[in-house]
Amino acid sequence: MTIDIPQDVALRLEELAKRKDADIGDLLRDWLERYEAERENDDKQWATLADLARHAKAAGLSSPKPVNTAGRSREILNTEFADYLNGRIDR
């Protein structure tokens, strides 16, 4: 079977296969199996706020302690937003 993919993608696959000392077909098979396993465990069609939070934690974007942005909204508007506006004006 032949699959037509962009040359840059093919080169990236080839480079990754060399680094991992693997066959491109094996890499693709592993990725497909992982993708299918994730889809089987996820019955949702739409992402929820919980999904977003889970992905943020996995990406290291979460705060170690709870942050009450709504409770600090006035403080944020009075400090950070003013700094943001000043930065925009200076451009």
PDB file of N, CA and C in Angstrom:
ATOM      1  N   MET A   1       0.850  -1.174   0.000  1.00  0.00           N
ATOM      2  CA  MET A   1       0.000   0.000   0.000  1.00  0.00           C
ATOM      3  C   MET A   1       0.896   1.237   0.000  1.00  0.00           C
ATOM      4  N   THR A   2       0.489   2.241  -0.720  1.00  0.00           N
ATOM      5  CA  THR A   2       1.224   3.495  -0.780  1.00  0.00           C
ATOM      6  C   THR A   2       0.334   4.609  -0.247  1.00  0.00           C
ATOM      7  N   ILE A   3       0.908   5.432   0.630  1.00  0.00           N
ATOM      8  CA  ILE A   3       0.185   6.574   1.178  1.00  0.00           C
ATOM      9  C   ILE A   3       0.917   7.830   0.743  1.00  0.00           C
ATOM     10  N   ASP A   4       0.176   8.766   0.186  1.00  0.00           N
ATOM     11  CA  ASP A   4       0.761  10.016  -0.272  1.00  0.00           C
ATOM     12  C   ASP A   4       0.722  11.031   0.867  1.00  0.00           C
ATOM     13  N   ILE A   5       1.902  11.386   1.397  1.00  0.00           N
ATOM     14  CA  ILE A   5       1.986  12.387   2.455  1.00  0.00           C
ATOM     15  C   ILE A   5       2.979  13.457   2.039  1.00  0.00           C
ATOM     16  N   PRO A   6       2.861  14.641   2.607  1.00  0.00           N
ATOM     17  CA  PRO A   6       3.798  15.700   2.262  1.00  0.00           C
ATOM     18  C   PRO A   6       5.242  15.297   2.569  1.00  0.00           C
ATOM     19  N   GLN A   7       6.152  15.794   1.765  1.00  0.00           N
ATOM     20  CA  GLN A   7       7.560  15.409   1.899  1.00  0.00           C
ATOM     21  C   GLN A   7       8.125  15.785   3.257  1.00  0.00           C
ATOM     22  N   ASP A   8       7.748  16.962   3.783  1.00  0.00           N
ATOM     23  CA  ASP A   8       8.287  17.372   5.087  1.00  0.00           C
ATOM     24  C   ASP A   8       7.854  16.412   6.190  1.00  0.00           C
ATOM     25  N   VAL A   9       6.633  15.892   6.098  1.00  0.00           N
ATOM     26  CA  VAL A   9       6.149  14.929   7.090  1.00  0.00           C
ATOM     27  C   VAL A   9       6.921  13.618   6.952  1.00  0.00           C
ATOM     28  N   ALA A  10       7.138  13.187   5.727  1.00  0.00           N
ATOM     29  CA  ALA A  10       7.884  11.946   5.487  1.00  0.00           C
ATOM     30  C   ALA A  10       9.305  12.054   6.032  1.00  0.00           C
ATOM     31  N   LEU A  11       9.935  13.205   5.830  1.00  0.00           N
ATOM     32  CA  LEU A  11      11.302  13.400   6.325  1.00  0.00           C
ATOM     33  C   LEU A  11      11.344  13.393   7.848  1.00  0.00           C
ATOM     34  N   ARG A  12      10.339  14.002   8.470  1.00  0.00           N
ATOM     35  CA  ARG A  12      10.277  14.001   9.931  1.00  0.00           C
ATOM     36  C   ARG A  12      10.072  12.588  10.465  1.00  0.00           C
ATOM     37  N   LEU A  13       9.197  11.824   9.808  1.00  0.00           N
ATOM     38  CA  LEU A  13       8.983  10.435  10.213  1.00  0.00           C
ATOM     39  C   LEU A  13      10.264   9.620  10.085  1.00  0.00           C
ATOM     40  N   GLU A  14      10.949   9.806   8.965  1.00  0.00           N
ATOM     41  CA  GLU A  14      12.190   9.071   8.734  1.00  0.00           C
ATOM     42  C   GLU A  14      13.242   9.422   9.783  1.00  0.00           C
ATOM     43  N   GLU A  15      13.367  10.701  10.102  1.00  0.00           N
ATOM     44  CA  GLU A  15      14.341  11.134  11.105  1.00  0.00           C
ATOM     45  C   GLU A  15      14.011  10.563  12.483  1.00  0.00           C
ATOM     46  N   LEU A  16      12.730  10.596  12.857  1.00  0.00           N
ATOM     47  CA  LEU A  16      12.316  10.055  14.148  1.00  0.00           C
ATOM     48  C   LEU A  16      12.551   8.546  14.210  1.00  0.00           C
ATOM     49  N   ALA A  17      12.256   7.851  13.123  1.00  0.00           N
ATOM     50  CA  ALA A  17      12.472   6.404  13.087  1.00  0.00           C
ATOM     51  C   ALA A  17      13.953   6.077  13.266  1.00  0.00           C
ATOM     52  N   LYS A  18      14.817   6.862  12.637  1.00  0.00           N
ATOM     53  CA  LYS A  18      16.261   6.632  12.790  1.00  0.00           C
ATOM     54  C   LYS A  18      16.697   6.858  14.227  1.00  0.00           C
ATOM     55  N   ARG A  19      16.196   7.935  14.841  1.00  0.00           N
ATOM     56  CA  ARG A  19      16.577   8.231  16.229  1.00  0.00           C
ATOM     57  C   ARG A  19      16.115   7.148  17.186  1.00  0.00           C
ATOM     58  N   LYS A  20      14.946   6.576  16.908  1.00  0.00           N
ATOM     59  CA  LYS A  20      14.390   5.549  17.791  1.00  0.00           C
ATOM     60  C   LYS A  20      14.796   4.140  17.353  1.00  0.00           C
ATOM     61  N   ASP A  21      15.588   4.067  16.291  1.00  0.00           N
ATOM     62  CA  ASP A  21      16.017   2.781  15.739  1.00  0.00           C
ATOM     63  C   ASP A  21      14.801   1.876  15.519  1.00  0.00           C
ATOM     64  N   ALA A  22      13.817   2.438  14.791  1.00  0.00           N
ATOM     65  CA  ALA A  22      12.575   1.722  14.533  1.00  0.00           C
ATOM     66  C   ALA A  22      12.179   1.900  13.074  1.00  0.00           C
ATOM     67  N   ASP A  23      11.227   1.110  12.662  1.00  0.00           N
ATOM     68  CA  ASP A  23      10.674   1.209  11.323  1.00  0.00           C
ATOM     69  C   ASP A  23       9.537   2.239  11.338  1.00  0.00           C
ATOM     70  N   ILE A  24       9.379   2.990  10.263  1.00  0.00           N
ATOM     71  CA  ILE A  24       8.313   3.992  10.191  1.00  0.00           C
ATOM     72  C   ILE A  24       6.952   3.328  10.393  1.00  0.00           C
ATOM     73  N   GLY A  25       6.764   2.171   9.822  1.00  0.00           N
ATOM     74  CA  GLY A  25       5.499   1.446   9.992  1.00  0.00           C
ATOM     75  C   GLY A  25       5.228   1.122  11.450  1.00  0.00           C
ATOM     76  N   ASP A  26       6.284   0.746  12.194  1.00  0.00           N
ATOM     77  CA  ASP A  26       6.110   0.455  13.619  1.00  0.00           C
ATOM     78  C   ASP A  26       5.716   1.704  14.397  1.00  0.00           C
ATOM     79  N   LEU A  27       6.349   2.837  14.064  1.00  0.00           N
ATOM     80  CA  LEU A  27       5.989   4.096  14.728  1.00  0.00           C
ATOM     81  C   LEU A  27       4.525   4.437  14.489  1.00  0.00           C
ATOM     82  N   LEU A  28       4.111   4.357  13.227  1.00  0.00           N
ATOM     83  CA  LEU A  28       2.735   4.685  12.883  1.00  0.00           C
ATOM     84  C   LEU A  28       1.751   3.729  13.552  1.00  0.00           C
ATOM     85  N   ARG A  29       2.093   2.453  13.604  1.00  0.00           N
ATOM     86  CA  ARG A  29       1.230   1.461  14.248  1.00  0.00           C
ATOM     87  C   ARG A  29       1.065   1.784  15.731  1.00  0.00           C
ATOM     88  N   ASP A  30       2.178   2.116  16.409  1.00  0.00           N
ATOM     89  CA  ASP A  30       2.110   2.468  17.833  1.00  0.00           C
ATOM     90  C   ASP A  30       1.241   3.697  18.052  1.00  0.00           C
ATOM     91  N   TRP A  31       1.411   4.719  17.214  1.00  0.00           N
ATOM     92  CA  TRP A  31       0.627   5.950  17.358  1.00  0.00           C
ATOM     93  C   TRP A  31      -0.858   5.674  17.140  1.00  0.00           C
ATOM     94  N   LEU A  32      -1.164   4.875  16.127  1.00  0.00           N
ATOM     95  CA  LEU A  32      -2.563   4.548  15.862  1.00  0.00           C
ATOM     96  C   LEU A  32      -3.187   3.769  17.015  1.00  0.00           C
ATOM     97  N   GLU A  33      -2.445   2.819  17.563  1.00  0.00           N
ATOM     98  CA  GLU A  33      -2.955   2.031  18.686  1.00  0.00           C
ATOM     99  C   GLU A  33      -3.197   2.913  19.909  1.00  0.00           C
ATOM    100  N   ARG A  34      -2.264   3.831  20.161  1.00  0.00           N
ATOM    101  CA  ARG A  34      -2.441   4.754  21.280  1.00  0.00           C
ATOM    102  C   ARG A  34      -3.649   5.667  21.053  1.00  0.00           C
ATOM    103  N   TYR A  35      -3.776   6.163  19.827  1.00  0.00           N
ATOM    104  CA  TYR A  35      -4.899   7.035  19.486  1.00  0.00           C
ATOM    105  C   TYR A  35      -6.228   6.297  19.660  1.00  0.00           C
ATOM    106  N   GLU A  36      -6.310   5.079  19.157  1.00  0.00           N
ATOM    107  CA  GLU A  36      -7.540   4.301  19.279  1.00  0.00           C
ATOM    108  C   GLU A  36      -7.856   3.990  20.732  1.00  0.00           C
ATOM    109  N   ALA A  37      -6.831   3.668  21.523  1.00  0.00           N
ATOM    110  CA  ALA A  37      -7.049   3.378  22.945  1.00  0.00           C
ATOM    111  C   ALA A  37      -7.589   4.603  23.666  1.00  0.00           C
ATOM    112  N   GLU A  38      -7.051   5.784  23.343  1.00  0.00           N
ATOM    113  CA  GLU A  38      -7.543   7.010  23.968  1.00  0.00           C
ATOM    114  C   GLU A  38      -8.992   7.269  23.578  1.00  0.00           C
ATOM    115  N   ARG A  39      -9.335   7.021  22.329  1.00  0.00           N
ATOM    116  CA  ARG A  39     -10.697   7.261  21.851  1.00  0.00           C
ATOM    117  C   ARG A  39     -11.676   6.272  22.473  1.00  0.00           C
ATOM    118  N   GLU A  40     -11.241   5.022  22.692  1.00  0.00           N
ATOM    119  CA  GLU A  40     -12.122   4.025  23.301  1.00  0.00           C
ATOM    120  C   GLU A  40     -12.442   4.389  24.742  1.00  0.00           C
ATOM    121  N   ASN A  41     -11.492   5.020  25.427  1.00  0.00           N
ATOM    122  CA  ASN A  41     -11.693   5.391  26.823  1.00  0.00           C
ATOM    123  C   ASN A  41     -12.405   6.724  26.961  1.00  0.00           C
ATOM    124  N   ASP A  42     -12.631   7.406  25.867  1.00  0.00           N
ATOM    125  CA  ASP A  42     -13.235   8.739  25.914  1.00  0.00           C
ATOM    126  C   ASP A  42     -14.513   8.737  25.086  1.00  0.00           C
ATOM    127  N   ASP A  43     -15.652   8.610  25.765  1.00  0.00           N
ATOM    128  CA  ASP A  43     -16.937   8.563  25.078  1.00  0.00           C
ATOM    129  C   ASP A  43     -17.481   9.948  24.743  1.00  0.00           C
ATOM    130  N   LYS A  44     -16.819  10.995  25.204  1.00  0.00           N
ATOM    131  CA  LYS A  44     -17.329  12.351  25.017  1.00  0.00           C
ATOM    132  C   LYS A  44     -17.076  12.844  23.602  1.00  0.00           C
ATOM    133  N   GLN A  45     -18.004  13.637  23.114  1.00  0.00           N
ATOM    134  CA  GLN A  45     -17.811  14.287  21.822  1.00  0.00           C
ATOM    135  C   GLN A  45     -17.202  15.658  22.005  1.00  0.00           C
ATOM    136  N   TRP A  46     -17.539  16.319  23.105  1.00  0.00           N
ATOM    137  CA  TRP A  46     -17.102  17.691  23.322  1.00  0.00           C
ATOM    138  C   TRP A  46     -16.216  17.761  24.555  1.00  0.00           C
ATOM    139  N   ALA A  47     -15.251  18.637  24.505  1.00  0.00           N
ATOM    140  CA  ALA A  47     -14.382  18.833  25.658  1.00  0.00           C
ATOM    141  C   ALA A  47     -15.134  19.613  26.734  1.00  0.00           C
ATOM    142  N   THR A  48     -14.904  19.240  27.972  1.00  0.00           N
ATOM    143  CA  THR A  48     -15.517  19.939  29.093  1.00  0.00           C
ATOM    144  C   THR A  48     -14.447  20.750  29.807  1.00  0.00           C
ATOM    145  N   LEU A  49     -14.853  21.546  30.779  1.00  0.00           N
ATOM    146  CA  LEU A  49     -13.901  22.304  31.571  1.00  0.00           C
ATOM    147  C   LEU A  49     -12.972  21.352  32.332  1.00  0.00           C
ATOM    148  N   ALA A  50     -13.503  20.213  32.745  1.00  0.00           N
ATOM    149  CA  ALA A  50     -12.680  19.212  33.427  1.00  0.00           C
ATOM    150  C   ALA A  50     -11.598  18.671  32.479  1.00  0.00           C
ATOM    151  N   ASP A  51     -11.953  18.468  31.202  1.00  0.00           N
ATOM    152  CA  ASP A  51     -10.965  18.025  30.216  1.00  0.00           C
ATOM    153  C   ASP A  51      -9.867  19.070  30.065  1.00  0.00           C
ATOM    154  N   LEU A  52     -10.269  20.334  29.988  1.00  0.00           N
ATOM    155  CA  LEU A  52      -9.312  21.420  29.853  1.00  0.00           C
ATOM    156  C   LEU A  52      -8.375  21.452  31.058  1.00  0.00           C
ATOM    157  N   ALA A  53      -8.925  21.307  32.243  1.00  0.00           N
ATOM    158  CA  ALA A  53      -8.115  21.307  33.460  1.00  0.00           C
ATOM    159  C   ALA A  53      -7.153  20.125  33.475  1.00  0.00           C
ATOM    160  N   ARG A  54      -7.630  18.955  33.061  1.00  0.00           N
ATOM    161  CA  ARG A  54      -6.775  17.763  33.031  1.00  0.00           C
ATOM    162  C   ARG A  54      -5.610  17.952  32.068  1.00  0.00           C
ATOM    163  N   HIS A  55      -5.900  18.522  30.892  1.00  0.00           N
ATOM    164  CA  HIS A  55      -4.841  18.748  29.909  1.00  0.00           C
ATOM    165  C   HIS A  55      -3.880  19.843  30.370  1.00  0.00           C
ATOM    166  N   ALA A  56      -4.393  20.860  31.046  1.00  0.00           N
ATOM    167  CA  ALA A  56      -3.529  21.915  31.579  1.00  0.00           C
ATOM    168  C   ALA A  56      -2.571  21.341  32.618  1.00  0.00           C
ATOM    169  N   LYS A  57      -3.082  20.474  33.485  1.00  0.00           N
ATOM    170  CA  LYS A  57      -2.215  19.838  34.485  1.00  0.00           C
ATOM    171  C   LYS A  57      -1.163  18.975  33.811  1.00  0.00           C
ATOM    172  N   ALA A  58      -1.562  18.208  32.806  1.00  0.00           N
ATOM    173  CA  ALA A  58      -0.619  17.337  32.095  1.00  0.00           C
ATOM    174  C   ALA A  58       0.460  18.148  31.386  1.00  0.00           C
ATOM    175  N   ALA A  59       0.110  19.353  30.937  1.00  0.00           N
ATOM    176  CA  ALA A  59       1.070  20.200  30.234  1.00  0.00           C
ATOM    177  C   ALA A  59       1.877  21.072  31.193  1.00  0.00           C
ATOM    178  N   GLY A  60       1.615  20.945  32.495  1.00  0.00           N
ATOM    179  CA  GLY A  60       2.351  21.738  33.478  1.00  0.00           C
ATOM    180  C   GLY A  60       1.884  23.180  33.541  1.00  0.00           C
ATOM    181  N   LEU A  61       0.640  23.437  33.162  1.00  0.00           N
ATOM    182  CA  LEU A  61       0.124  24.806  33.148  1.00  0.00           C
ATOM    183  C   LEU A  61      -0.747  25.118  34.359  1.00  0.00           C
ATOM    184  N   SER A  62      -0.844  24.201  35.284  1.00  0.00           N
ATOM    185  CA  SER A  62      -1.717  24.422  36.430  1.00  0.00           C
ATOM    186  C   SER A  62      -0.936  25.049  37.581  1.00  0.00           C
ATOM    187  N   SER A  63      -1.670  25.674  38.484  1.00  0.00           N
ATOM    188  CA  SER A  63      -1.080  26.276  39.667  1.00  0.00           C
ATOM    189  C   SER A  63      -1.049  25.230  40.778  1.00  0.00           C
ATOM    190  N   PRO A  64       0.001  25.225  41.592  1.00  0.00           N
ATOM    191  CA  PRO A  64       0.060  24.224  42.665  1.00  0.00           C
ATOM    192  C   PRO A  64      -1.027  24.428  43.730  1.00  0.00           C
ATOM    193  N   LYS A  65      -1.542  25.652  43.849  1.00  0.00           N
ATOM    194  CA  LYS A  65      -2.612  25.894  44.813  1.00  0.00           C
ATOM    195  C   LYS A  65      -3.774  26.600  44.108  1.00  0.00           C
ATOM    196  N   PRO A  66      -4.984  26.505  44.640  1.00  0.00           N
ATOM    197  CA  PRO A  66      -6.139  27.132  44.006  1.00  0.00           C
ATOM    198  C   PRO A  66      -5.963  28.641  43.842  1.00  0.00           C
ATOM    199  N   VAL A  67      -6.460  29.155  42.731  1.00  0.00           N
ATOM    200  CA  VAL A  67      -6.392  30.582  42.443  1.00  0.00           C
ATOM    201  C   VAL A  67      -7.817  31.103  42.300  1.00  0.00           C
ATOM    202  N   ASN A  68      -8.157  32.124  43.052  1.00  0.00           N
ATOM    203  CA  ASN A  68      -9.489  32.708  43.002  1.00  0.00           C
ATOM    204  C   ASN A  68      -9.438  33.975  42.149  1.00  0.00           C
ATOM    205  N   THR A  69      -9.481  33.808  40.842  1.00  0.00           N
ATOM    206  CA  THR A  69      -9.398  34.939  39.920  1.00  0.00           C
ATOM    207  C   THR A  69     -10.592  35.862  40.078  1.00  0.00           C
ATOM    208  N   ALA A  70     -11.780  35.300  40.235  1.00  0.00           N
ATOM    209  CA  ALA A  70     -12.981  36.118  40.380  1.00  0.00           C
ATOM    210  C   ALA A  70     -12.901  36.978  41.634  1.00  0.00           C
ATOM    211  N   GLY A  71     -12.413  36.412  42.714  1.00  0.00           N
ATOM    212  CA  GLY A  71     -12.287  37.155  43.960  1.00  0.00           C
ATOM    213  C   GLY A  71     -11.249  38.262  43.872  1.00  0.00           C
ATOM    214  N   ARG A  72     -10.282  38.086  42.987  1.00  0.00           N
ATOM    215  CA  ARG A  72      -9.216  39.082  42.814  1.00  0.00           C
ATOM    216  C   ARG A  72      -9.457  39.977  41.605  1.00  0.00           C
ATOM    217  N   SER A  73     -10.633  39.904  40.996  1.00  0.00           N
ATOM    218  CA  SER A  73     -10.868  40.614  39.741  1.00  0.00           C
ATOM    219  C   SER A  73     -10.645  42.117  39.856  1.00  0.00           C
ATOM    220  N   ARG A  74     -11.089  42.717  40.932  1.00  0.00           N
ATOM    221  CA  ARG A  74     -10.916  44.164  41.104  1.00  0.00           C
ATOM    222  C   ARG A  74      -9.425  44.508  41.209  1.00  0.00           C
ATOM    223  N   GLU A  75      -8.699  43.722  42.000  1.00  0.00           N
ATOM    224  CA  GLU A  75      -7.256  43.940  42.143  1.00  0.00           C
ATOM    225  C   GLU A  75      -6.537  43.771  40.803  1.00  0.00           C
ATOM    226  N   ILE A  76      -6.916  42.750  40.060  1.00  0.00           N
ATOM    227  CA  ILE A  76      -6.302  42.499  38.750  1.00  0.00           C
ATOM    228  C   ILE A  76      -6.581  43.659  37.803  1.00  0.00           C
ATOM    229  N   LEU A  77      -7.827  44.123  37.775  1.00  0.00           N
ATOM    230  CA  LEU A  77      -8.163  45.257  36.905  1.00  0.00           C
ATOM    231  C   LEU A  77      -7.392  46.512  37.298  1.00  0.00           C
ATOM    232  N   ASN A  78      -7.222  46.737  38.578  1.00  0.00           N
ATOM    233  CA  ASN A  78      -6.534  47.944  39.035  1.00  0.00           C
ATOM    234  C   ASN A  78      -5.026  47.894  38.833  1.00  0.00           C
ATOM    235  N   THR A  79      -4.449  46.723  38.755  1.00  0.00           N
ATOM    236  CA  THR A  79      -2.987  46.645  38.636  1.00  0.00           C
ATOM    237  C   THR A  79      -2.568  46.112  37.269  1.00  0.00           C
ATOM    238  N   GLU A  80      -2.821  44.866  37.033  1.00  0.00           N
ATOM    239  CA  GLU A  80      -2.308  44.224  35.828  1.00  0.00           C
ATOM    240  C   GLU A  80      -2.912  44.783  34.552  1.00  0.00           C
ATOM    241  N   PHE A  81      -4.194  45.070  34.553  1.00  0.00           N
ATOM    242  CA  PHE A  81      -4.819  45.579  33.337  1.00  0.00           C
ATOM    243  C   PHE A  81      -4.294  46.972  33.006  1.00  0.00           C
ATOM    244  N   ALA A  82      -4.078  47.794  34.034  1.00  0.00           N
ATOM    245  CA  ALA A  82      -3.505  49.125  33.795  1.00  0.00           C
ATOM    246  C   ALA A  82      -2.106  48.998  33.187  1.00  0.00           C
ATOM    247  N   ASP A  83      -1.307  48.074  33.700  1.00  0.00           N
ATOM    248  CA  ASP A  83       0.031  47.854  33.137  1.00  0.00           C
ATOM    249  C   ASP A  83      -0.065  47.384  31.689  1.00  0.00           C
ATOM    250  N   TYR A  84      -1.028  46.520  31.420  1.00  0.00           N
ATOM    251  CA  TYR A  84      -1.224  46.034  30.058  1.00  0.00           C
ATOM    252  C   TYR A  84      -1.574  47.186  29.122  1.00  0.00           C
ATOM    253  N   LEU A  85      -2.506  48.042  29.548  1.00  0.00           N
ATOM    254  CA  LEU A  85      -2.905  49.183  28.711  1.00  0.00           C
ATOM    255  C   LEU A  85      -1.737  50.136  28.489  1.00  0.00           C
ATOM    256  N   ASN A  86      -0.967  50.403  29.527  1.00  0.00           N
ATOM    257  CA  ASN A  86       0.208  51.276  29.369  1.00  0.00           C
ATOM    258  C   ASN A  86       1.198  50.680  28.383  1.00  0.00           C
ATOM    259  N   GLY A  87       1.377  49.376  28.437  1.00  0.00           N
ATOM    260  CA  GLY A  87       2.283  48.716  27.491  1.00  0.00           C
ATOM    261  C   GLY A  87       1.784  48.831  26.066  1.00  0.00           C
ATOM    262  N   ARG A  88       0.480  48.752  25.886  1.00  0.00           N
ATOM    263  CA  ARG A  88      -0.101  48.878  24.539  1.00  0.00           C
ATOM    264  C   ARG A  88       0.043  50.311  24.014  1.00  0.00           C
ATOM    265  N   ILE A  89      -0.103  51.281  24.889  1.00  0.00           N
ATOM    266  CA  ILE A  89       0.011  52.684  24.491  1.00  0.00           C
ATOM    267  C   ILE A  89       1.443  53.016  24.096  1.00  0.00           C
ATOM    268  N   ASP A  90       2.420  52.436  24.786  1.00  0.00           N
ATOM    269  CA  ASP A  90       3.834  52.728  24.526  1.00  0.00           C
ATOM    270  C   ASP A  90       4.331  52.161  23.213  1.00  0.00           C
ATOM    271  N   ARG A  91       3.607  51.275  22.593  1.00  0.00           N
ATOM    272  CA  ARG A  91       4.081  50.643  21.347  1.00  0.00           C
ATOM    273  C   ARG A  91       4.056  51.570  20.198  1.00  0.00           C
TER     274      ARG A  91
END
